[in-house]
């Protein structure tokens, strides 16, 4: 078995609890990885501005992946590599989300934009990323700067149908996948959590077989496929679990910490 040299973790539903708390167990697990000489970093659908609060408590020094890995930033959140969604595809995505009647957000590298400050999930996102949205009258002036578009809805079945329609609408021009049951993300084509894993492994000069990944949602499957070992959280759906090497406990029961204990035993 190839020695695990790097762990790449999802954030929401994996490292964080439902109330967006980083537990003492998760912090301790990251310290144990560092102590064992195992690299550790994170990749998320979150914007860069929503990941900074995790850097210090997890002692992250490696590049991190924002917007499902389509942007790579250093530990001080300075862009290393960034990709944007073509403006025509942005407009097509916005039109489709509008047809489905879901709340729409647009993220640039620096800002979270919305036309609806009273959207259902706005308070939730503010707590999650520790940043406030910029309220705009129209997304049109910002189409050329789009790193990610989000459709937000508490109707999970509706958003699942919207996901299928979006995938058909954008084809190979963008990636459309749910990061939560209530968030549908549209991000630049050709870049996902799997390509992030490959990029960091290359940077470290290691094989992707030496990488362990951990996550809970459909957008984590791409990194499961590119890593030698993968962990699905206990709160993941059965579809996600069946693609993982291991299944750990839920994010409410320190499943991340438990998985890292397994990593240390495999090393």
Protein backbone atom coordinates (compact mmCIF):
# COMPACT_ATOMS: atom_id res chain seq x y z
CA UNK A 1 0.00 0.00 0.00
CA UNK A 2 1.27 3.48 -0.89
CA UNK A 3 2.08 5.58 2.16
CA UNK A 4 -0.36 8.48 2.60
CA UNK A 5 1.59 11.71 2.24
CA UNK A 6 -1.25 14.22 1.86
CA UNK A 7 -4.84 14.64 3.07
CA UNK A 8 -7.23 16.90 1.16
CA UNK A 9 -10.47 17.69 2.98
CA UNK A 10 -13.79 19.20 2.06
CA UNK A 11 -15.04 21.86 4.49
CA UNK A 12 -18.83 22.04 4.96
CA UNK A 13 -20.38 18.80 6.14
CA UNK A 14 -16.91 17.38 6.70
CA UNK A 15 -14.55 19.56 8.74
CA UNK A 16 -17.36 21.72 10.12
CA UNK A 17 -20.46 20.78 12.06
CA UNK A 18 -23.93 21.84 10.96
CA UNK A 19 -23.56 25.13 12.85
CA UNK A 20 -20.25 25.78 11.01
CA UNK A 21 -18.07 25.03 14.03
CA UNK A 22 -14.55 23.62 13.78
CA UNK A 23 -14.35 21.17 16.67
CA UNK A 24 -11.41 20.66 18.99
CA UNK A 25 -11.26 17.10 17.68
CA UNK A 26 -10.81 18.31 14.10
CA UNK A 27 -8.07 20.74 15.14
CA UNK A 28 -6.26 18.02 17.09
CA UNK A 29 -6.54 15.61 14.16
CA UNK A 30 -4.92 18.15 11.83
CA UNK A 31 -2.10 18.63 14.34
CA UNK A 32 -1.53 14.87 14.46
CA UNK A 33 -1.25 14.79 10.67
CA UNK A 34 1.33 17.58 10.71
CA UNK A 35 3.22 15.78 13.49
CA UNK A 36 3.34 12.62 11.39
CA UNK A 37 4.75 14.53 8.41
CA UNK A 38 1.53 14.24 6.40
CA UNK A 39 0.54 17.29 4.37
CA UNK A 40 -2.92 18.74 4.90
CA UNK A 41 -5.06 21.19 2.98
CA UNK A 42 -8.67 21.97 2.13
CA UNK A 43 -10.79 22.38 -0.99
CA UNK A 44 -14.33 23.71 -1.00
CA UNK A 45 -17.09 25.23 -3.06
CA UNK A 46 -16.62 28.24 -0.77
CA UNK A 47 -15.08 31.45 -2.04
CA UNK A 48 -11.54 32.27 -0.94
CA UNK A 49 -12.88 34.88 1.47
CA UNK A 50 -14.87 32.18 3.25
CA UNK A 51 -11.89 29.93 4.04
CA UNK A 52 -9.42 32.25 5.73
CA UNK A 53 -10.69 31.58 9.25
CA UNK A 54 -9.61 27.93 8.92
CA UNK A 55 -5.96 28.53 8.01
CA UNK A 56 -4.54 29.27 11.45
CA UNK A 57 -6.43 26.72 13.60
CA UNK A 58 -5.59 23.95 11.11
CA UNK A 59 -2.00 25.21 10.61
CA UNK A 60 -2.41 25.09 6.82
CA UNK A 61 0.64 26.16 4.82
CA UNK A 62 -0.14 24.46 1.50
CA UNK A 63 -2.28 26.08 -1.23
CA UNK A 64 -6.03 25.71 -0.77
CA UNK A 65 -8.78 25.24 -3.34
CA UNK A 66 -11.73 27.63 -3.60
CA UNK A 67 -14.78 27.46 -5.88
CA UNK A 68 -14.57 23.64 -6.06
CA UNK A 69 -10.88 23.87 -6.92
CA UNK A 70 -11.21 26.15 -9.93
CA UNK A 71 -9.24 28.79 -8.00
CA UNK A 72 -6.09 27.95 -6.07
CA UNK A 73 -4.84 30.42 -3.49
CA UNK A 74 -1.93 30.41 -1.07
CA UNK A 75 -2.31 30.32 2.71
CA UNK A 76 -2.67 34.12 2.70
CA UNK A 77 -5.50 33.83 0.13
CA UNK A 78 -3.45 35.31 -2.71
CA UNK A 79 -4.41 33.80 -6.09
CA UNK A 80 -2.00 31.25 -7.56
CA UNK A 81 -4.27 30.02 -10.32
CA UNK A 82 -7.72 31.31 -11.22
CA UNK A 83 -10.32 30.39 -13.82
CA UNK A 84 -13.55 32.17 -14.75
CA UNK A 85 -16.86 31.13 -16.31
CA UNK A 86 -17.35 32.55 -19.84
CA UNK A 87 -19.82 35.48 -19.69
CA UNK A 88 -22.26 33.86 -22.15
CA UNK A 89 -22.37 30.74 -19.96
CA UNK A 90 -22.87 32.89 -16.88
CA UNK A 91 -25.90 34.53 -18.48
CA UNK A 92 -27.31 31.18 -19.59
CA UNK A 93 -26.92 29.84 -16.05
CA UNK A 94 -28.57 32.89 -14.50
CA UNK A 95 -31.51 32.60 -16.89
CA UNK A 96 -32.05 28.94 -16.03
CA UNK A 97 -31.86 29.53 -12.28
CA UNK A 98 -34.38 32.32 -12.71
CA UNK A 99 -36.70 29.94 -14.57
CA UNK A 100 -36.56 27.52 -11.64
CA UNK A 101 -37.31 30.35 -9.22
CA UNK A 102 -34.33 29.79 -6.94
CA UNK A 103 -32.29 32.49 -5.24
CA UNK A 104 -29.21 33.48 -7.26
CA UNK A 105 -25.73 34.52 -6.12
CA UNK A 106 -22.66 35.38 -8.14
CA UNK A 107 -19.16 35.20 -6.68
CA UNK A 108 -16.09 36.99 -7.94
CA UNK A 109 -12.71 36.37 -6.33
CA UNK A 110 -13.30 39.25 -3.91
CA UNK A 111 -17.07 39.57 -3.55
CA UNK A 112 -20.35 37.76 -3.00
CA UNK A 113 -23.04 39.46 -5.09
CA UNK A 114 -26.81 39.13 -4.82
CA UNK A 115 -29.82 41.07 -6.03
CA UNK A 116 -31.92 39.79 -3.14
CA UNK A 117 -30.64 40.68 0.34
CA UNK A 118 -33.62 38.86 1.88
CA UNK A 119 -32.89 35.50 0.22
CA UNK A 120 -33.68 32.44 2.34
CA UNK A 121 -30.07 31.32 2.70
CA UNK A 122 -28.38 34.73 2.90
CA UNK A 123 -28.15 34.66 6.75
CA UNK A 124 -26.83 31.11 6.60
CA UNK A 125 -24.13 32.01 4.07
CA UNK A 126 -23.13 35.11 6.05
CA UNK A 127 -22.51 32.92 9.10
CA UNK A 128 -20.76 30.26 7.04
CA UNK A 129 -18.25 32.39 5.14
CA UNK A 130 -18.07 35.20 7.71
CA UNK A 131 -18.65 37.85 5.04
CA UNK A 132 -21.55 40.03 3.92
CA UNK A 133 -22.98 40.11 0.40
CA UNK A 134 -22.72 43.09 -1.91
CA UNK A 135 -26.22 44.02 -3.06
CA UNK A 136 -26.46 44.81 -6.77
CA UNK A 137 -29.32 45.87 -9.01
CA UNK A 138 -28.13 43.59 -11.81
CA UNK A 139 -25.52 40.89 -12.34
CA UNK A 140 -24.84 42.10 -15.88
CA UNK A 141 -21.79 44.31 -15.14
CA UNK A 142 -20.17 41.42 -13.28
CA UNK A 143 -20.54 38.63 -15.86
CA UNK A 144 -16.84 38.77 -16.92
CA UNK A 145 -15.62 38.27 -13.32
CA UNK A 146 -17.71 35.24 -12.35
CA UNK A 147 -15.82 32.54 -10.45
CA UNK A 148 -18.99 30.78 -9.29
CA UNK A 149 -22.76 31.03 -9.58
CA UNK A 150 -25.01 29.55 -6.91
CA UNK A 151 -28.66 28.62 -6.98
CA UNK A 152 -30.00 28.36 -3.42
CA UNK A 153 -33.27 26.67 -2.44
CA UNK A 154 -34.67 24.68 0.47
CA UNK A 155 -36.61 22.56 -2.04
CA UNK A 156 -34.04 19.78 -2.46
CA UNK A 157 -36.03 17.92 -5.12
CA UNK A 158 -36.44 21.10 -7.16
CA UNK A 159 -32.72 21.83 -6.94
CA UNK A 160 -31.90 18.28 -8.02
CA UNK A 161 -34.05 18.78 -11.14
CA UNK A 162 -32.40 22.15 -11.66
CA UNK A 163 -28.98 20.46 -11.44
CA UNK A 164 -29.87 18.06 -14.26
CA UNK A 165 -31.25 20.89 -16.40
CA UNK A 166 -28.18 23.03 -15.71
CA UNK A 167 -25.80 20.24 -16.65
CA UNK A 168 -27.61 19.92 -19.96
CA UNK A 169 -27.67 23.69 -20.49
CA UNK A 170 -23.97 24.33 -19.86
CA UNK A 171 -22.66 21.08 -21.33
CA UNK A 172 -18.88 21.11 -21.27
CA UNK A 173 -18.68 24.87 -20.92
CA UNK A 174 -19.02 24.77 -17.12
CA UNK A 175 -19.41 22.34 -14.23
CA UNK A 176 -22.78 22.20 -12.45
CA UNK A 177 -23.08 20.16 -9.26
CA UNK A 178 -24.71 20.49 -5.85
CA UNK A 179 -22.33 21.23 -2.98
CA UNK A 180 -25.19 20.93 -0.47
CA UNK A 181 -28.76 19.73 -0.86
CA UNK A 182 -29.70 23.43 -0.90
CA UNK A 183 -26.86 24.84 -3.09
CA UNK A 184 -26.29 24.24 -6.80
CA UNK A 185 -22.86 25.49 -7.91
CA UNK A 186 -21.81 26.43 -11.42
CA UNK A 187 -18.03 26.71 -11.76
CA UNK A 188 -15.47 26.85 -14.60
CA UNK A 189 -15.24 23.80 -16.83
CA UNK A 190 -12.29 21.45 -16.58
CA UNK A 191 -11.56 22.29 -12.96
CA UNK A 192 -12.95 20.50 -9.94
CA UNK A 193 -11.84 19.02 -6.65
CA UNK A 194 -10.16 16.21 -8.55
CA UNK A 195 -8.00 18.54 -10.62
CA UNK A 196 -7.10 20.34 -7.39
CA UNK A 197 -5.90 17.05 -5.87
CA UNK A 198 -3.79 16.38 -8.96
CA UNK A 199 -2.33 19.91 -8.90
CA UNK A 200 -1.31 19.76 -5.24
CA UNK A 201 0.14 16.25 -5.62
CA UNK A 202 2.20 17.49 -8.56
CA UNK A 203 3.35 20.51 -6.57
CA UNK A 204 4.52 18.20 -3.76
CA UNK A 205 6.07 15.69 -6.16
CA UNK A 206 3.93 12.79 -4.97
CA UNK A 207 1.63 10.31 -6.67
CA UNK A 208 -2.12 10.84 -6.31
CA UNK A 209 -2.12 7.30 -4.92
CA UNK A 210 -0.45 8.83 -1.85
CA UNK A 211 -3.37 11.23 -1.32
CA UNK A 212 -6.32 10.63 0.99
CA UNK A 213 -9.49 12.67 0.47
CA UNK A 214 -12.56 13.16 2.63
CA UNK A 215 -15.96 14.68 1.86
CA UNK A 216 -19.72 14.31 1.96
CA UNK A 217 -21.31 15.56 -1.28
CA UNK A 218 -21.51 14.92 -5.01
CA UNK A 219 -18.88 17.55 -5.73
CA UNK A 220 -16.42 15.49 -3.65
CA UNK A 221 -16.65 12.48 -5.96
CA UNK A 222 -14.18 14.05 -8.38
CA UNK A 223 -11.47 14.07 -5.71
CA UNK A 224 -12.40 10.58 -4.52
CA UNK A 225 -11.71 9.39 -8.07
CA UNK A 226 -8.27 11.03 -8.17
CA UNK A 227 -6.98 9.85 -4.79
CA UNK A 228 -5.64 6.53 -3.59
CA UNK A 229 -7.79 6.54 -0.45
CA UNK A 230 -11.12 8.27 0.14
CA UNK A 231 -13.46 8.73 3.09
CA UNK A 232 -17.17 9.52 2.90
CA UNK A 233 -18.67 11.18 5.93
CA UNK A 234 -21.41 9.36 7.83
CA UNK A 235 -23.79 12.18 6.88
CA UNK A 236 -23.13 11.64 3.16
CA UNK A 237 -25.75 10.10 0.88
CA UNK A 238 -25.51 6.42 -0.02
CA UNK A 239 -24.50 7.41 -3.55
CA UNK A 240 -21.45 9.27 -2.22
CA UNK A 241 -20.61 6.53 0.28
CA UNK A 242 -20.51 3.82 -2.39
CA UNK A 243 -17.73 5.68 -4.21
CA UNK A 244 -15.47 5.96 -1.15
CA UNK A 245 -12.83 3.56 0.14
CA UNK A 246 -14.03 4.07 3.71
CA UNK A 247 -17.05 5.53 5.52
CA UNK A 248 -16.45 7.41 8.76
CA UNK A 249 -18.79 8.92 11.35
CA UNK A 250 -20.87 12.06 10.74
CA UNK A 251 -19.68 15.64 10.99
CA UNK A 252 -21.72 15.97 14.19
CA UNK A 253 -19.73 13.10 15.74
CA UNK A 254 -16.19 14.12 14.77
CA UNK A 255 -16.11 11.84 11.74
CA UNK A 256 -13.21 13.83 10.30
CA UNK A 257 -11.08 13.15 13.39
CA UNK A 258 -11.99 9.45 13.28
CA UNK A 259 -10.98 9.25 9.61
CA UNK A 260 -7.64 10.88 10.35
CA UNK A 261 -6.96 8.21 12.97
CA UNK A 262 -7.44 5.65 10.19
CA UNK A 263 -5.06 7.62 7.95
CA UNK A 264 -2.40 7.56 10.65
CA UNK A 265 -2.84 3.80 11.08
CA UNK A 266 -2.48 3.29 7.30
CA UNK A 267 0.72 5.35 7.20
